[in-house]
PDB file of all heavy atoms in Angstrom:
ATOM      1  N   THR A   1     104.080 114.321 113.940  1.00  0.00           N
ATOM      2  CA  THR A   1     104.955 115.465 114.180  1.00  0.00           C
ATOM      3  C   THR A   1     106.231 115.277 113.370  1.00  0.00           C
ATOM      4  O   THR A   1     106.711 114.151 113.200  1.00  0.00           O
ATOM      5  CB  THR A   1     105.305 115.626 115.670  1.00  0.00           C
ATOM      6  OG1 THR A   1     106.174 116.756 115.833  1.00  0.00           O
ATOM      7  CG2 THR A   1     105.995 114.400 116.232  1.00  0.00           C
ATOM      8  N   THR A   2     106.765 116.378 112.877  1.00  0.00           N
ATOM      9  CA  THR A   2     108.043 116.344 112.167  1.00  0.00           C
ATOM     10  C   THR A   2     109.124 117.076 112.941  1.00  0.00           C
ATOM     11  O   THR A   2     110.253 117.191 112.470  1.00  0.00           O
ATOM     12  CB  THR A   2     107.905 116.966 110.764  1.00  0.00           C
ATOM     13  OG1 THR A   2     107.434 118.307 110.889  1.00  0.00           O
ATOM     14  CG2 THR A   2     106.943 116.153 109.908  1.00  0.00           C
ATOM     15  N   ASN A   3     108.769 117.559 114.135  1.00  0.00           N
ATOM     16  CA  ASN A   3     109.730 118.329 114.926  1.00  0.00           C
ATOM     17  C   ASN A   3     109.843 117.794 116.352  1.00  0.00           C
ATOM     18  O   ASN A   3     110.027 118.557 117.302  1.00  0.00           O
ATOM     19  CB  ASN A   3     109.350 119.805 114.937  1.00  0.00           C
ATOM     20  CG  ASN A   3     107.896 120.044 115.340  1.00  0.00           C
ATOM     21  OD1 ASN A   3     107.307 119.226 116.058  1.00  0.00           O
ATOM     22  ND2 ASN A   3     107.313 121.140 114.884  1.00  0.00           N
ATOM     23  N   GLY A   4     109.714 116.485 116.491  1.00  0.00           N
ATOM     24  CA  GLY A   4     109.932 115.860 117.785  1.00  0.00           C
ATOM     25  C   GLY A   4     108.848 116.071 118.806  1.00  0.00           C
ATOM     26  O   GLY A   4     109.064 115.830 119.991  1.00  0.00           O
ATOM     27  N   GLY A   5     107.674 116.542 118.378  1.00  0.00           N
ATOM     28  CA  GLY A   5     106.560 116.704 119.301  1.00  0.00           C
ATOM     29  C   GLY A   5     106.242 118.137 119.660  1.00  0.00           C
ATOM     30  O   GLY A   5     105.358 118.379 120.489  1.00  0.00           O
ATOM     31  N   ASN A   6     106.920 119.103 119.047  1.00  0.00           N
ATOM     32  CA  ASN A   6     106.585 120.505 119.318  1.00  0.00           C
ATOM     33  C   ASN A   6     105.203 120.854 118.785  1.00  0.00           C
ATOM     34  O   ASN A   6     104.449 121.599 119.416  1.00  0.00           O
ATOM     35  CB  ASN A   6     107.640 121.433 118.704  1.00  0.00           C
ATOM     36  CG  ASN A   6     108.978 121.345 119.413  1.00  0.00           C
ATOM     37  OD1 ASN A   6     109.033 121.176 120.630  1.00  0.00           O
ATOM     38  ND2 ASN A   6     110.057 121.437 118.667  1.00  0.00           N
ATOM     39  N   THR A   7     104.870 120.325 117.608  1.00  0.00           N
ATOM     40  CA  THR A   7     103.542 120.520 117.019  1.00  0.00           C
ATOM     41  C   THR A   7     103.101 119.221 116.362  1.00  0.00           C
ATOM     42  O   THR A   7     103.931 118.395 115.953  1.00  0.00           O
ATOM     43  CB  THR A   7     103.544 121.642 115.961  1.00  0.00           C
ATOM     44  OG1 THR A   7     104.510 121.323 114.938  1.00  0.00           O
ATOM     45  CG2 THR A   7     103.878 122.976 116.587  1.00  0.00           C
ATOM     46  N   TRP A   8     101.777 119.066 116.269  1.00  0.00           N
ATOM     47  CA  TRP A   8     101.201 117.844 115.700  1.00  0.00           C
ATOM     48  C   TRP A   8     100.121 118.212 114.676  1.00  0.00           C
ATOM     49  O   TRP A   8      99.428 119.221 114.828  1.00  0.00           O
ATOM     50  CB  TRP A   8     100.556 116.984 116.797  1.00  0.00           C
ATOM     51  CG  TRP A   8     101.501 116.539 117.873  1.00  0.00           C
ATOM     52  CD1 TRP A   8     101.853 117.218 119.003  1.00  0.00           C
ATOM     53  CD2 TRP A   8     102.216 115.295 117.914  1.00  0.00           C
ATOM     54  NE1 TRP A   8     102.730 116.488 119.757  1.00  0.00           N
ATOM     55  CE2 TRP A   8     102.977 115.301 119.121  1.00  0.00           C
ATOM     56  CE3 TRP A   8     102.279 114.188 117.080  1.00  0.00           C
ATOM     57  CZ2 TRP A   8     103.788 114.247 119.490  1.00  0.00           C
ATOM     58  CZ3 TRP A   8     103.091 113.130 117.441  1.00  0.00           C
ATOM     59  CH2 TRP A   8     103.833 113.165 118.638  1.00  0.00           C
ATOM     60  N   THR A   9      99.965 117.370 113.665  1.00  0.00           N
ATOM     61  CA  THR A   9      98.908 117.558 112.672  1.00  0.00           C
ATOM     62  C   THR A   9      98.232 116.221 112.397  1.00  0.00           C
ATOM     63  O   THR A   9      98.803 115.149 112.643  1.00  0.00           O
ATOM     64  CB  THR A   9      99.456 118.111 111.343  1.00  0.00           C
ATOM     65  OG1 THR A   9     100.431 117.189 110.817  1.00  0.00           O
ATOM     66  CG2 THR A   9     100.093 119.479 111.546  1.00  0.00           C
ATOM     67  N   THR A  10      97.002 116.285 111.872  1.00  0.00           N
ATOM     68  CA  THR A  10      96.278 115.073 111.487  1.00  0.00           C
ATOM     69  C   THR A  10      95.530 115.326 110.187  1.00  0.00           C
ATOM     70  O   THR A  10      95.153 116.473 109.894  1.00  0.00           O
ATOM     71  CB  THR A  10      95.283 114.644 112.579  1.00  0.00           C
ATOM     72  OG1 THR A  10      94.678 113.400 112.189  1.00  0.00           O
ATOM     73  CG2 THR A  10      94.188 115.679 112.781  1.00  0.00           C
ATOM     74  N   ASN A  11      95.314 114.261 109.431  1.00  0.00           N
ATOM     75  CA  ASN A  11      94.476 114.357 108.236  1.00  0.00           C
ATOM     76  C   ASN A  11      93.549 113.149 108.128  1.00  0.00           C
ATOM     77  O   ASN A  11      93.099 112.786 107.048  1.00  0.00           O
ATOM     78  CB  ASN A  11      95.327 114.475 106.967  1.00  0.00           C
ATOM     79  CG  ASN A  11      96.198 113.248 106.723  1.00  0.00           C
ATOM     80  OD1 ASN A  11      96.175 112.306 107.499  1.00  0.00           O
ATOM     81  ND2 ASN A  11      96.965 113.268 105.652  1.00  0.00           N
ATOM     82  N   THR A  12      93.263 112.532 109.285  1.00  0.00           N
ATOM     83  CA  THR A  12      92.453 111.306 109.280  1.00  0.00           C
ATOM     84  C   THR A  12      91.021 111.527 109.750  1.00  0.00           C
ATOM     85  O   THR A  12      90.305 110.568 110.029  1.00  0.00           O
ATOM     86  CB  THR A  12      93.113 110.223 110.160  1.00  0.00           C
ATOM     87  OG1 THR A  12      93.300 110.740 111.482  1.00  0.00           O
ATOM     88  CG2 THR A  12      94.447 109.785 109.591  1.00  0.00           C
ATOM     89  N   ASP A  13      90.584 112.784 109.828  1.00  0.00           N
ATOM     90  CA  ASP A  13      89.247 113.062 110.362  1.00  0.00           C
ATOM     91  C   ASP A  13      88.136 112.433 109.531  1.00  0.00           C
ATOM     92  O   ASP A  13      87.037 112.188 110.051  1.00  0.00           O
ATOM     93  CB  ASP A  13      89.014 114.567 110.444  1.00  0.00           C
ATOM     94  CG  ASP A  13      89.806 115.218 111.565  1.00  0.00           C
ATOM     95  OD1 ASP A  13      90.442 114.476 112.338  1.00  0.00           O
ATOM     96  OD2 ASP A  13      89.800 116.451 111.660  1.00  0.00           O
ATOM     97  N   GLN A  14      88.383 112.197 108.243  1.00  0.00           N
ATOM     98  CA  GLN A  14      87.322 111.702 107.369  1.00  0.00           C
ATOM     99  C   GLN A  14      87.361 110.189 107.163  1.00  0.00           C
ATOM    100  O   GLN A  14      86.610 109.650 106.349  1.00  0.00           O
ATOM    101  CB  GLN A  14      87.396 112.408 106.009  1.00  0.00           C
ATOM    102  CG  GLN A  14      87.256 113.913 106.092  1.00  0.00           C
ATOM    103  CD  GLN A  14      86.010 114.354 106.831  1.00  0.00           C
ATOM    104  OE1 GLN A  14      84.920 113.810 106.597  1.00  0.00           O
ATOM    105  NE2 GLN A  14      86.130 115.329 107.714  1.00  0.00           N
ATOM    106  N   LEU A  15      88.219 109.485 107.878  1.00  0.00           N
ATOM    107  CA  LEU A  15      88.201 108.036 107.790  1.00  0.00           C
ATOM    108  C   LEU A  15      86.909 107.491 108.388  1.00  0.00           C
ATOM    109  O   LEU A  15      86.321 108.092 109.286  1.00  0.00           O
ATOM    110  CB  LEU A  15      89.397 107.427 108.528  1.00  0.00           C
ATOM    111  CG  LEU A  15      90.791 107.719 107.965  1.00  0.00           C
ATOM    112  CD1 LEU A  15      91.848 107.023 108.813  1.00  0.00           C
ATOM    113  CD2 LEU A  15      90.906 107.289 106.510  1.00  0.00           C
ATOM    114  N   THR A  16      86.476 106.330 107.908  1.00  0.00           N
ATOM    115  CA  THR A  16      85.257 105.715 108.427  1.00  0.00           C
ATOM    116  C   THR A  16      85.328 105.536 109.937  1.00  0.00           C
ATOM    117  O   THR A  16      84.365 105.785 110.657  1.00  0.00           O
ATOM    118  CB  THR A  16      85.037 104.352 107.755  1.00  0.00           C
ATOM    119  OG1 THR A  16      85.024 104.529 106.344  1.00  0.00           O
ATOM    120  CG2 THR A  16      83.727 103.733 108.202  1.00  0.00           C
ATOM    121  N   VAL A  17      86.482 105.094 110.421  1.00  0.00           N
ATOM    122  CA  VAL A  17      86.752 104.986 111.861  1.00  0.00           C
ATOM    123  C   VAL A  17      88.043 105.736 112.117  1.00  0.00           C
ATOM    124  O   VAL A  17      89.060 105.445 111.485  1.00  0.00           O
ATOM    125  CB  VAL A  17      86.889 103.512 112.295  1.00  0.00           C
ATOM    126  CG1 VAL A  17      87.461 103.423 113.695  1.00  0.00           C
ATOM    127  CG2 VAL A  17      85.550 102.802 112.221  1.00  0.00           C
ATOM    128  N   ILE A  18      88.017 106.725 113.009  1.00  0.00           N
ATOM    129  CA  ILE A  18      89.235 107.500 113.242  1.00  0.00           C
ATOM    130  C   ILE A  18      90.016 106.996 114.448  1.00  0.00           C
ATOM    131  O   ILE A  18      91.043 107.573 114.798  1.00  0.00           O
ATOM    132  CB  ILE A  18      88.942 109.009 113.372  1.00  0.00           C
ATOM    133  CG1 ILE A  18      87.992 109.301 114.534  1.00  0.00           C
ATOM    134  CG2 ILE A  18      88.389 109.568 112.076  1.00  0.00           C
ATOM    135  CD1 ILE A  18      87.833 110.792 114.798  1.00  0.00           C
ATOM    136  N   GLY A  19      89.551 105.938 115.094  1.00  0.00           N
ATOM    137  CA  GLY A  19      90.357 105.307 116.125  1.00  0.00           C
ATOM    138  C   GLY A  19      91.458 104.488 115.473  1.00  0.00           C
ATOM    139  O   GLY A  19      91.272 103.904 114.404  1.00  0.00           O
ATOM    140  N   CYS A  20      92.629 104.448 116.102  1.00  0.00           N
ATOM    141  CA  CYS A  20      93.711 103.608 115.581  1.00  0.00           C
ATOM    142  C   CYS A  20      94.559 103.093 116.737  1.00  0.00           C
ATOM    143  O   CYS A  20      94.721 103.763 117.750  1.00  0.00           O
ATOM    144  CB  CYS A  20      94.556 104.344 114.553  1.00  0.00           C
ATOM    145  SG  CYS A  20      95.034 106.013 114.983  1.00  0.00           S
ATOM    146  N   SER A  21      95.074 101.886 116.563  1.00  0.00           N
ATOM    147  CA  SER A  21      95.752 101.203 117.657  1.00  0.00           C
ATOM    148  C   SER A  21      97.206 100.858 117.357  1.00  0.00           C
ATOM    149  O   SER A  21      97.934 100.457 118.266  1.00  0.00           O
ATOM    150  CB  SER A  21      94.994  99.930 118.041  1.00  0.00           C
ATOM    151  OG  SER A  21      94.791  99.115 116.915  1.00  0.00           O
ATOM    152  N   ASP A  22      97.654 100.989 116.104  1.00  0.00           N
ATOM    153  CA  ASP A  22      99.072 100.775 115.795  1.00  0.00           C
ATOM    154  C   ASP A  22      99.333 101.185 114.360  1.00  0.00           C
ATOM    155  O   ASP A  22      98.406 101.302 113.542  1.00  0.00           O
ATOM    156  CB  ASP A  22      99.469  99.313 115.996  1.00  0.00           C
ATOM    157  CG  ASP A  22     100.982  99.135 116.192  1.00  0.00           C
ATOM    158  OD1 ASP A  22     101.691 100.159 116.270  1.00  0.00           O
ATOM    159  OD2 ASP A  22     101.450  97.987 116.263  1.00  0.00           O
ATOM    160  N   ILE A  23     100.600 101.414 114.056  1.00  0.00           N
ATOM    161  CA  ILE A  23     101.032 101.682 112.691  1.00  0.00           C
ATOM    162  C   ILE A  23     102.340 100.938 112.462  1.00  0.00           C
ATOM    163  O   ILE A  23     103.174 100.834 113.367  1.00  0.00           O
ATOM    164  CB  ILE A  23     101.196 103.199 112.440  1.00  0.00           C
ATOM    165  CG1 ILE A  23     101.299 103.485 110.949  1.00  0.00           C
ATOM    166  CG2 ILE A  23     102.374 103.770 113.201  1.00  0.00           C
ATOM    167  CD1 ILE A  23     101.218 104.969 110.610  1.00  0.00           C
ATOM    168  N   ALA A  24     102.502 100.373 111.264  1.00  0.00           N
ATOM    169  CA  ALA A  24     103.735  99.675 110.883  1.00  0.00           C
ATOM    170  C   ALA A  24     104.285 100.376 109.648  1.00  0.00           C
ATOM    171  O   ALA A  24     103.570 100.553 108.655  1.00  0.00           O
ATOM    172  CB  ALA A  24     103.468  98.202 110.593  1.00  0.00           C
ATOM    173  N   ILE A  25     105.558 100.765 109.690  1.00  0.00           N
ATOM    174  CA  ILE A  25     106.177 101.559 108.636  1.00  0.00           C
ATOM    175  C   ILE A  25     107.270 100.739 107.961  1.00  0.00           C
ATOM    176  O   ILE A  25     108.110 100.127 108.627  1.00  0.00           O
ATOM    177  CB  ILE A  25     106.755 102.860 109.210  1.00  0.00           C
ATOM    178  CG1 ILE A  25     105.652 103.651 109.932  1.00  0.00           C
ATOM    179  CG2 ILE A  25     107.382 103.712 108.121  1.00  0.00           C
ATOM    180  CD1 ILE A  25     106.162 104.883 110.672  1.00  0.00           C
ATOM    181  N   ASP A  26     107.258 100.728 106.640  1.00  0.00           N
ATOM    182  CA  ASP A  26     108.239  99.995 105.848  1.00  0.00           C
ATOM    183  C   ASP A  26     109.623 100.607 106.076  1.00  0.00           C
ATOM    184  O   ASP A  26     109.847 101.776 105.757  1.00  0.00           O
ATOM    185  CB  ASP A  26     107.846 100.082 104.371  1.00  0.00           C
ATOM    186  CG  ASP A  26     108.724  99.221 103.468  1.00  0.00           C
ATOM    187  OD1 ASP A  26     109.875  98.937 103.843  1.00  0.00           O
ATOM    188  OD2 ASP A  26     108.255  98.853 102.379  1.00  0.00           O
TER     189      ASP A  26
END
């Protein structure tokens, strides 16, 4: 989300596994 959670988008539908458990951002 870019607006604090009012709307959400995804583009990971085509990953081999679409489950995810964490993200680390530089």
